């Protein structure tokens, strides 16, 4: 059994938890809920981006109240049921949170995004959507498998003639430059891009002269420019009509990068008494657009959107992060939703993904070298949004405060990623400064690589109660 730890909270921490709202990532459940019903939320979170369950918080008169277990043993059946659902304990972490006054225990369960499709105890599959776990149909379960990378839409057959890819200019030029003395149709069949006398989705995307004719609304790129710094792009702020980039994947990567650079370099901002052009590292634009194109979920009929604002660029790619990839481990781990596309586009002359698996790291490093904030990766309900801000890095202390305000705690690794500091000891010194000021303290029971810092009561009053 995945035995939980016990953490005694302060009154302020209890208030912070009760002030949370149920959402795509948070769910409150009454302690009297049956374990079976609770597994619906577990399935929903595990099949989405993960989330937090608080068992022992009840809703009364449109507000939440702490109404926990008297003893840890009272939650044993819940924990046992969760272990049975996952078959292994690493799919979630749980701990008891003790109220400082009445000693009631709330079971806090952090469910991780799971690379598999997780069923609830009723045999159904659920997916977290906003503040509820939605039961999926067979069709939606198939879409979830595509999203997780369990099966790949790139291998689906397209009901068109194989000549559309074997006699295309793209295929003929590729074969001449890469595998001479081989006929295109022979090579495409060998690469499993033609199966049962039909081209696959990967084959069409890579080697059709015009994939958009056969895979409309899911194989192009839309570029929109907004003369604005607002959080959301409004139609009134659009600078001209949206630009559509079409063609095979190899072509649209380079065409999109060039078009975005052209638009960005035309933007002038008033700074230090002068009109200056905005500069983004070319490597960052190239790697993030390449990553969006070759790793998107092609089963979703939506084009990639690139939105250019006066102070940032947003790249939104259809599909959630595949497999075990999360926002937290995306720079350290590798997992491909479209392995054939990734492998074969690397065979083109001057391949856009020269260093397979290193693209995002290159993008982040390029921003750091220019002392700009790193790109921000967000997993939304049906897409991944990468935001490239044209803003200088904050001071280390400002970065720590902002992150803890949003996430509750911060590790040394995250601090270094946010600030561009490479030394663990230098990062520690910034934590120690805030500790000596009475603003930070180490999170109990977290040691080694998991060691983290959180606000003290002084820090909460200074930064969270504003």
Protein backbone atom coordinates (compact mmCIF):
# COMPACT_ATOMS: atom_id res chain seq x y z
CA UNK A 1 0.00 0.00 0.00
CA UNK A 2 1.21 3.51 -0.85
CA UNK A 3 1.47 4.67 2.79
CA UNK A 4 1.07 8.45 3.19
CA UNK A 5 3.11 10.86 5.29
CA UNK A 6 1.59 13.25 7.80
CA UNK A 7 1.98 17.03 7.54
CA UNK A 8 0.66 19.35 10.24
CA UNK A 9 -0.54 22.58 8.65
CA UNK A 10 -0.70 26.11 9.96
CA UNK A 11 -4.03 27.96 10.11
CA UNK A 12 -2.93 30.08 7.15
CA UNK A 13 -2.17 26.99 5.06
CA UNK A 14 -5.61 25.55 5.82
CA UNK A 15 -7.20 28.82 4.71
CA UNK A 16 -5.17 28.79 1.49
CA UNK A 17 -6.41 25.27 0.65
CA UNK A 18 -10.06 26.10 1.41
CA UNK A 19 -9.78 29.21 -0.75
CA UNK A 20 -8.92 27.10 -3.81
CA UNK A 21 -11.52 26.53 -6.50
CA UNK A 22 -12.33 23.20 -8.11
CA UNK A 23 -10.82 23.24 -11.58
CA UNK A 24 -9.12 21.21 -14.29
CA UNK A 25 -6.39 20.43 -11.74
CA UNK A 26 -8.15 20.43 -8.34
CA UNK A 27 -11.05 18.41 -6.90
CA UNK A 28 -12.54 18.37 -3.38
CA UNK A 29 -14.39 15.29 -2.13
CA UNK A 30 -16.40 14.54 1.01
CA UNK A 31 -14.79 11.91 3.27
CA UNK A 32 -17.98 9.81 2.97
CA UNK A 33 -17.50 9.24 -0.77
CA UNK A 34 -17.10 5.60 -1.79
CA UNK A 35 -13.67 4.62 -3.12
CA UNK A 36 -15.27 3.50 -6.39
CA UNK A 37 -16.74 6.93 -7.10
CA UNK A 38 -13.45 8.54 -6.15
CA UNK A 39 -11.64 6.55 -8.84
CA UNK A 40 -13.59 8.50 -11.48
CA UNK A 41 -11.63 11.59 -10.46
CA UNK A 42 -8.43 9.55 -10.35
CA UNK A 43 -9.06 8.28 -13.90
CA UNK A 44 -9.92 11.79 -15.09
CA UNK A 45 -6.74 13.34 -13.73
CA UNK A 46 -4.43 10.46 -14.78
CA UNK A 47 -5.74 10.56 -18.35
CA UNK A 48 -5.34 14.35 -18.55
CA UNK A 49 -2.47 16.42 -17.17
CA UNK A 50 -2.66 15.15 -13.59
CA UNK A 51 -4.17 16.98 -10.62
CA UNK A 52 -4.86 17.13 -6.89
CA UNK A 53 -7.61 15.41 -4.91
CA UNK A 54 -8.47 16.55 -1.40
CA UNK A 55 -10.60 13.94 0.40
CA UNK A 56 -12.15 15.29 3.58
CA UNK A 57 -13.26 18.71 2.41
CA UNK A 58 -17.02 19.16 2.23
CA UNK A 59 -19.12 21.78 0.49
CA UNK A 60 -21.54 23.68 2.72
CA UNK A 61 -23.61 26.67 1.64
CA UNK A 62 -21.46 27.36 -1.45
CA UNK A 63 -18.18 27.24 0.45
CA UNK A 64 -15.72 24.52 1.43
CA UNK A 65 -15.09 23.39 5.01
CA UNK A 66 -12.47 21.15 6.58
CA UNK A 67 -14.25 17.91 7.57
CA UNK A 68 -11.55 15.27 7.63
CA UNK A 69 -10.97 11.76 8.96
CA UNK A 70 -10.46 11.12 12.67
CA UNK A 71 -7.80 8.46 12.07
CA UNK A 72 -5.48 7.61 9.18
CA UNK A 73 -6.87 4.06 9.12
CA UNK A 74 -10.28 5.43 8.08
CA UNK A 75 -8.84 6.11 4.59
CA UNK A 76 -7.18 2.71 4.12
CA UNK A 77 -9.83 1.44 1.70
CA UNK A 78 -9.37 4.51 -0.52
CA UNK A 79 -5.60 4.06 -0.68
CA UNK A 80 -5.92 0.33 -1.34
CA UNK A 81 -8.39 0.96 -4.18
CA UNK A 82 -6.01 3.48 -5.76
CA UNK A 83 -3.12 0.99 -5.61
CA UNK A 84 -5.32 -1.61 -7.35
CA UNK A 85 -6.30 0.84 -10.12
CA UNK A 86 -2.70 1.77 -10.92
CA UNK A 87 -1.12 -1.65 -10.17
CA UNK A 88 1.88 0.34 -8.97
CA UNK A 89 2.20 3.22 -6.49
CA UNK A 90 4.23 5.60 -8.66
CA UNK A 91 1.13 6.90 -10.41
CA UNK A 92 0.31 9.09 -7.44
CA UNK A 93 1.56 10.46 -4.12
CA UNK A 94 -0.60 10.90 -1.07
CA UNK A 95 -0.23 12.38 2.39
CA UNK A 96 -2.43 13.35 5.29
CA UNK A 97 -2.85 17.03 6.08
CA UNK A 98 -3.69 17.66 9.74
CA UNK A 99 -5.73 20.65 10.88
CA UNK A 100 -3.81 22.51 13.62
CA UNK A 101 -6.86 22.95 15.86
CA UNK A 102 -9.27 20.00 15.55
CA UNK A 103 -6.64 17.49 14.29
CA UNK A 104 -8.95 16.26 11.49
CA UNK A 105 -7.07 14.64 8.61
CA UNK A 106 -7.58 15.43 4.95
CA UNK A 107 -6.13 12.94 2.47
CA UNK A 108 -4.25 14.91 -0.21
CA UNK A 109 -3.63 12.88 -3.37
CA UNK A 110 -1.43 14.17 -6.19
CA UNK A 111 -2.28 12.21 -9.32
CA UNK A 112 0.36 12.21 -12.05
CA UNK A 113 -0.35 12.25 -15.76
CA UNK A 114 -0.21 8.59 -16.80
CA UNK A 115 1.27 7.23 -20.05
CA UNK A 116 -1.48 4.58 -20.10
CA UNK A 117 -5.25 4.90 -20.32
CA UNK A 118 -6.49 4.53 -16.73
CA UNK A 119 -9.97 3.13 -16.08
CA UNK A 120 -12.08 3.82 -13.00
CA UNK A 121 -13.27 0.88 -10.91
CA UNK A 122 -16.56 0.85 -12.87
CA UNK A 123 -14.58 -0.10 -16.00
CA UNK A 124 -15.11 3.25 -17.73
CA UNK A 125 -12.51 5.77 -18.84
CA UNK A 126 -12.77 9.38 -17.67
CA UNK A 127 -10.99 12.57 -18.68
CA UNK A 128 -10.71 15.74 -16.61
CA UNK A 129 -12.41 18.67 -18.31
CA UNK A 130 -12.62 21.93 -16.36
CA UNK A 131 -14.04 20.99 -12.94
CA UNK A 132 -15.48 17.58 -13.81
CA UNK A 133 -14.39 14.12 -14.91
CA UNK A 134 -16.16 13.24 -18.16
CA UNK A 135 -16.91 9.65 -19.21
CA UNK A 136 -15.43 8.92 -22.63
CA UNK A 137 -17.03 7.13 -25.57
CA UNK A 138 -15.10 4.51 -27.56
CA UNK A 139 -14.32 7.15 -30.17
CA UNK A 140 -12.97 9.55 -27.54
CA UNK A 141 -10.91 6.74 -25.95
CA UNK A 142 -9.26 6.21 -29.34
CA UNK A 143 -8.50 9.94 -29.49
CA UNK A 144 -7.03 9.70 -25.98
CA UNK A 145 -4.77 6.86 -27.13
CA UNK A 146 -3.55 9.07 -29.99
CA UNK A 147 -2.96 11.91 -27.54
CA UNK A 148 -0.95 9.71 -25.18
CA UNK A 149 1.05 8.16 -28.00
CA UNK A 150 -0.27 4.64 -27.27
CA UNK A 151 -1.30 4.43 -30.92
CA UNK A 152 -0.28 6.88 -33.61
CA UNK A 153 -2.54 8.66 -36.06
CA UNK A 154 0.43 8.97 -38.39
CA UNK A 155 -0.09 5.29 -39.30
CA UNK A 156 -3.74 5.70 -40.32
CA UNK A 157 -4.46 5.17 -44.03
CA UNK A 158 -5.65 8.03 -46.24
CA UNK A 159 -8.18 6.96 -48.91
CA UNK A 160 -6.34 8.43 -51.92
CA UNK A 161 -4.18 7.10 -54.75
CA UNK A 162 -0.56 6.31 -53.84
CA UNK A 163 0.57 8.41 -56.84
CA UNK A 164 -0.18 11.49 -54.72
CA UNK A 165 2.99 10.77 -52.73
CA UNK A 166 5.06 8.45 -54.97
CA UNK A 167 4.94 10.78 -58.00
CA UNK A 168 5.12 14.07 -56.13
CA UNK A 169 7.92 16.57 -56.65
CA UNK A 170 8.76 16.28 -52.96
CA UNK A 171 9.23 12.50 -53.16
CA UNK A 172 11.17 12.60 -56.45
CA UNK A 173 13.61 15.24 -55.18
CA UNK A 174 13.99 13.45 -51.85
CA UNK A 175 14.81 10.09 -53.47
CA UNK A 176 17.28 11.67 -55.91
CA UNK A 177 19.13 13.44 -53.08
CA UNK A 178 18.87 10.80 -50.37
CA UNK A 179 18.40 7.27 -51.74
CA UNK A 180 19.38 7.30 -55.43
CA UNK A 181 18.83 4.20 -57.60
CA UNK A 182 15.59 3.40 -55.76
CA UNK A 183 12.09 4.03 -57.07
CA UNK A 184 9.98 6.32 -54.82
CA UNK A 185 7.10 3.84 -54.45
CA UNK A 186 9.52 1.05 -53.52
CA UNK A 187 11.20 3.19 -50.86
CA UNK A 188 7.87 4.51 -49.49
CA UNK A 189 6.54 0.96 -49.14
CA UNK A 190 9.71 -0.12 -47.36
CA UNK A 191 9.30 2.75 -44.90
CA UNK A 192 5.68 1.71 -44.23
CA UNK A 193 4.39 4.98 -45.69
CA UNK A 194 2.33 3.01 -48.20
CA UNK A 195 0.31 0.14 -46.70
CA UNK A 196 -2.32 -1.94 -48.48
CA UNK A 197 -1.92 0.28 -51.54
CA UNK A 198 -2.87 3.39 -49.58
CA UNK A 199 -0.61 6.16 -48.24
CA UNK A 200 -0.45 6.73 -44.51
CA UNK A 201 -1.00 10.08 -42.80
CA UNK A 202 2.77 10.36 -42.26
CA UNK A 203 3.38 9.66 -45.93
CA UNK A 204 0.94 12.37 -47.03
CA UNK A 205 2.32 14.94 -44.58
CA UNK A 206 5.93 14.32 -45.58
CA UNK A 207 5.74 13.61 -49.31
CA UNK A 208 2.57 15.06 -50.80
CA UNK A 209 3.03 18.34 -52.67
CA UNK A 210 -0.19 19.58 -51.05
CA UNK A 211 -1.15 17.60 -47.92
CA UNK A 212 -3.83 20.16 -47.07
CA UNK A 213 -5.94 18.88 -49.99
CA UNK A 214 -6.27 15.50 -48.24
CA UNK A 215 -5.89 16.49 -44.57
CA UNK A 216 -7.64 19.86 -44.42
CA UNK A 217 -7.64 21.91 -41.20
CA UNK A 218 -5.02 19.68 -39.58
CA UNK A 219 -1.83 20.08 -41.56
CA UNK A 220 -1.21 23.81 -41.97
CA UNK A 221 -0.14 26.80 -39.90
CA UNK A 222 -2.05 30.00 -39.25
CA UNK A 223 -0.02 33.11 -38.39
CA UNK A 224 -1.82 36.07 -36.81
CA UNK A 225 -0.31 39.40 -35.80
CA UNK A 226 -1.91 41.54 -33.10
CA UNK A 227 -0.94 45.17 -32.55
CA UNK A 228 -1.40 44.69 -28.84
CA UNK A 229 0.14 43.55 -25.58
CA UNK A 230 -3.20 42.40 -24.15
CA UNK A 231 -3.53 38.91 -22.69
CA UNK A 232 -6.01 37.86 -25.36
CA UNK A 233 -5.85 38.74 -29.04
CA UNK A 234 -8.92 40.67 -30.18
CA UNK A 235 -10.13 40.97 -33.77
CA UNK A 236 -9.88 44.77 -33.56
CA UNK A 237 -6.13 44.45 -32.92
CA UNK A 238 -5.39 42.21 -35.91
CA UNK A 239 -2.78 43.63 -38.27
CA UNK A 240 -4.07 42.45 -41.65
CA UNK A 241 -5.52 39.06 -42.52
CA UNK A 242 -4.24 35.81 -41.00
CA UNK A 243 -1.48 34.16 -43.05
CA UNK A 244 -1.85 30.48 -43.96
CA UNK A 245 1.28 28.38 -44.51
CA UNK A 246 0.72 25.18 -46.51
CA UNK A 247 2.85 22.48 -48.12
CA UNK A 248 4.69 19.37 -46.94
CA UNK A 249 6.04 19.42 -43.38
CA UNK A 250 9.61 20.14 -44.41
CA UNK A 251 8.55 23.20 -46.41
CA UNK A 252 6.12 24.66 -43.89
CA UNK A 253 8.70 24.55 -41.08
CA UNK A 254 11.15 26.78 -42.93
CA UNK A 255 8.45 28.96 -44.50
CA UNK A 256 6.77 29.53 -41.12
CA UNK A 257 10.05 30.39 -39.39
CA UNK A 258 10.96 32.89 -42.13
CA UNK A 259 7.53 34.52 -42.09
CA UNK A 260 7.48 34.85 -38.29
CA UNK A 261 10.98 36.40 -38.31
CA UNK A 262 9.92 38.82 -41.05
CA UNK A 263 6.88 39.97 -39.06
CA UNK A 264 8.77 40.20 -35.77
CA UNK A 265 11.58 42.25 -37.26
CA UNK A 266 9.03 44.72 -38.62
CA UNK A 267 7.70 45.45 -35.10
CA UNK A 268 9.03 48.65 -33.53
CA UNK A 269 8.69 49.45 -29.84
CA UNK A 270 9.45 52.68 -28.02
CA UNK A 271 12.27 52.04 -25.57
CA UNK A 272 14.73 54.41 -23.88
CA UNK A 273 13.56 57.29 -26.06
CA UNK A 274 14.06 55.40 -29.32
CA UNK A 275 12.09 53.17 -31.66
CA UNK A 276 13.74 49.77 -31.63
CA UNK A 277 13.01 46.49 -33.39
CA UNK A 278 12.27 43.41 -31.32
CA UNK A 279 14.83 40.62 -31.52
CA UNK A 280 14.17 36.98 -30.69
CA UNK A 281 16.87 34.31 -31.03
CA UNK A 282 16.49 32.58 -34.41
CA UNK A 283 17.24 29.23 -32.75
CA UNK A 284 14.31 29.66 -30.37
CA UNK A 285 11.80 30.41 -33.15
CA UNK A 286 13.10 27.56 -35.30
CA UNK A 287 13.14 24.91 -32.57
CA UNK A 288 9.75 25.75 -31.07
CA UNK A 289 8.01 25.84 -34.45
CA UNK A 290 9.72 22.62 -35.52
CA UNK A 291 8.71 20.96 -32.27
CA UNK A 292 5.09 22.09 -32.68
CA UNK A 293 4.89 20.76 -36.25
CA UNK A 294 6.50 17.34 -35.84
CA UNK A 295 5.00 16.51 -32.43
CA UNK A 296 1.44 17.82 -32.78
CA UNK A 297 -1.57 15.49 -32.68
CA UNK A 298 -2.62 15.17 -36.31
CA UNK A 299 -5.90 13.46 -35.42
CA UNK A 300 -7.25 16.84 -34.28
CA UNK A 301 -8.67 18.91 -37.14
CA UNK A 302 -7.16 22.22 -36.12
CA UNK A 303 -4.19 24.03 -37.62
CA UNK A 304 -1.23 25.16 -35.52
CA UNK A 305 -1.64 28.81 -34.57
CA UNK A 306 1.21 31.29 -34.24
CA UNK A 307 0.08 34.54 -32.62
CA UNK A 308 2.52 37.45 -32.72
CA UNK A 309 2.00 40.26 -30.19
CA UNK A 310 4.08 43.36 -29.55
CA UNK A 311 5.69 41.72 -26.50
CA UNK A 312 5.48 37.97 -27.13
CA UNK A 313 4.91 35.11 -29.56
CA UNK A 314 2.44 32.31 -28.82
CA UNK A 315 2.68 28.94 -30.58
CA UNK A 316 -0.34 26.70 -29.93
CA UNK A 317 -0.11 23.12 -31.13
CA UNK A 318 -3.12 20.73 -31.19
CA UNK A 319 -2.95 17.84 -28.73
CA UNK A 320 -1.78 17.50 -25.16
CA UNK A 321 1.74 16.36 -24.25
CA UNK A 322 2.22 12.71 -25.27
CA UNK A 323 3.00 9.71 -23.08
CA UNK A 324 4.78 10.48 -19.83
CA UNK A 325 5.90 13.96 -20.94
CA UNK A 326 4.83 16.75 -18.58
CA UNK A 327 5.50 20.46 -18.38
CA UNK A 328 7.97 19.71 -15.59
CA UNK A 329 10.06 17.05 -17.39
CA UNK A 330 9.75 18.22 -20.99
CA UNK A 331 13.39 19.38 -21.19
CA UNK A 332 14.81 16.20 -19.65
CA UNK A 333 12.69 13.45 -21.24
CA UNK A 334 12.04 12.34 -24.83
CA UNK A 335 8.87 10.82 -26.22
CA UNK A 336 7.57 11.05 -29.77
CA UNK A 337 3.90 10.94 -30.70
CA UNK A 338 4.91 10.71 -34.39
CA UNK A 339 8.12 8.62 -34.48
CA UNK A 340 8.06 8.06 -38.26
CA UNK A 341 7.71 11.76 -38.99
CA UNK A 342 10.52 12.58 -36.55
CA UNK A 343 12.82 9.93 -38.03
CA UNK A 344 12.14 10.57 -41.72
CA UNK A 345 12.15 14.36 -41.71
CA UNK A 346 15.63 14.06 -40.23
CA UNK A 347 16.72 12.44 -43.53
CA UNK A 348 15.90 15.55 -45.58
CA UNK A 349 18.75 17.88 -46.65
CA UNK A 350 19.47 20.37 -43.86
CA UNK A 351 16.95 18.64 -41.57
CA UNK A 352 14.95 20.96 -39.32
CA UNK A 353 15.44 18.61 -36.37
CA UNK A 354 19.22 18.24 -36.61
CA UNK A 355 19.69 17.36 -32.94
CA UNK A 356 16.80 15.01 -32.31
CA UNK A 357 15.53 15.39 -28.75
CA UNK A 358 17.54 18.55 -28.04
CA UNK A 359 15.37 21.15 -29.80
CA UNK A 360 13.59 22.66 -26.80
CA UNK A 361 16.80 22.74 -24.77
CA UNK A 362 18.39 24.74 -27.60
CA UNK A 363 15.40 27.12 -27.60
CA UNK A 364 15.64 27.69 -23.84
CA UNK A 365 19.42 28.13 -23.90
CA UNK A 366 19.19 30.73 -26.70
CA UNK A 367 16.76 32.83 -24.64
CA UNK A 368 18.99 32.52 -21.58
CA UNK A 369 22.02 33.68 -23.55
CA UNK A 370 20.19 36.89 -24.46
CA UNK A 371 19.14 37.36 -20.80
CA UNK A 372 15.49 36.92 -21.79
CA UNK A 373 12.90 34.98 -19.84
CA UNK A 374 12.69 31.32 -20.86
CA UNK A 375 9.75 30.17 -22.98
CA UNK A 376 6.70 29.16 -20.98
CA UNK A 377 5.11 25.79 -21.76
CA UNK A 378 1.47 25.24 -20.76
CA UNK A 379 -0.64 22.15 -21.25
CA UNK A 380 -4.23 23.16 -21.97
CA UNK A 381 -7.23 20.86 -22.30
CA UNK A 382 -6.66 19.99 -25.97
CA UNK A 383 -3.41 21.73 -26.91
CA UNK A 384 0.07 22.79 -25.84
CA UNK A 385 0.82 26.51 -25.71
CA UNK A 386 4.39 27.82 -25.79
CA UNK A 387 4.80 31.52 -25.05
CA UNK A 388 8.03 33.31 -25.95
CA UNK A 389 8.11 36.62 -24.09
CA UNK A 390 10.35 39.50 -24.99
CA UNK A 391 11.05 40.34 -21.35
CA UNK A 392 14.36 40.42 -19.46
CA UNK A 393 14.97 37.89 -16.73
CA UNK A 394 13.75 38.90 -13.29
CA UNK A 395 16.15 39.14 -10.40
CA UNK A 396 16.50 35.74 -8.67
CA UNK A 397 14.51 36.96 -5.65
CA UNK A 398 11.67 38.27 -7.86
CA UNK A 399 11.58 34.95 -9.74
CA UNK A 400 11.41 32.96 -6.47
CA UNK A 401 8.58 35.11 -5.12
CA UNK A 402 6.54 34.90 -8.33
CA UNK A 403 6.91 31.12 -8.58
CA UNK A 404 6.07 30.39 -4.94
CA UNK A 405 3.05 32.69 -5.14
CA UNK A 406 1.72 30.60 -8.02
CA UNK A 407 2.86 27.09 -7.08
CA UNK A 408 3.29 27.09 -3.29
CA UNK A 409 6.91 25.90 -3.23
CA UNK A 410 10.10 25.90 -5.31
CA UNK A 411 13.08 23.57 -5.72
CA UNK A 412 16.68 24.46 -6.49
CA UNK A 413 16.36 22.99 -9.99
CA UNK A 414 13.28 25.05 -10.83
CA UNK A 415 14.94 28.16 -9.40
CA UNK A 416 17.95 27.66 -11.67
CA UNK A 417 15.72 27.13 -14.71
CA UNK A 418 13.81 30.34 -13.96
CA UNK A 419 16.83 32.52 -13.34
CA UNK A 420 19.44 31.09 -15.67
CA UNK A 421 21.76 30.41 -12.70
CA UNK A 422 23.85 27.28 -13.34
CA UNK A 423 25.32 26.78 -9.86
CA UNK A 424 23.27 24.98 -7.20
CA UNK A 425 25.18 26.76 -4.43
CA UNK A 426 24.55 30.21 -5.94
CA UNK A 427 20.84 29.40 -6.09
CA UNK A 428 20.92 28.17 -2.49
CA UNK A 429 22.39 31.48 -1.39
CA UNK A 430 19.31 33.32 -2.72
CA UNK A 431 17.06 30.94 -0.79
CA UNK A 432 19.20 31.50 2.33
CA UNK A 433 18.82 35.29 2.01
CA UNK A 434 15.05 34.95 2.05
CA UNK A 435 15.28 32.42 4.89
CA UNK A 436 17.40 34.83 6.94
CA UNK A 437 14.77 37.51 6.31
CA UNK A 438 12.16 35.11 7.75
CA UNK A 439 10.33 34.83 4.41
CA UNK A 440 11.18 31.27 3.34
CA UNK A 441 11.46 27.91 5.07
CA UNK A 442 12.22 24.41 3.83
CA UNK A 443 9.25 22.11 3.25
CA UNK A 444 9.30 19.38 5.93
CA UNK A 445 10.01 15.77 4.90
CA UNK A 446 11.37 16.73 1.47
CA UNK A 447 15.06 15.89 1.21
CA UNK A 448 17.74 15.53 -1.46
CA UNK A 449 16.59 16.28 -5.01
CA UNK A 450 13.02 16.82 -3.77
CA UNK A 451 14.03 19.48 -1.22
CA UNK A 452 11.86 22.56 -1.63
CA UNK A 453 11.21 25.98 -0.11
CA UNK A 454 7.90 27.63 0.81
CA UNK A 455 6.76 30.90 2.38
CA UNK A 456 6.79 31.26 6.16
CA UNK A 457 3.90 33.09 7.82
CA UNK A 458 5.93 36.28 7.30
CA UNK A 459 6.28 35.48 3.60
CA UNK A 460 2.58 34.65 3.24
CA UNK A 461 1.56 37.97 4.78
CA UNK A 462 4.12 39.89 2.72
CA UNK A 463 3.47 38.35 -0.70
CA UNK A 464 0.20 36.37 -0.69
CA UNK A 465 -1.99 38.67 1.40
CA UNK A 466 -1.40 41.67 -0.84
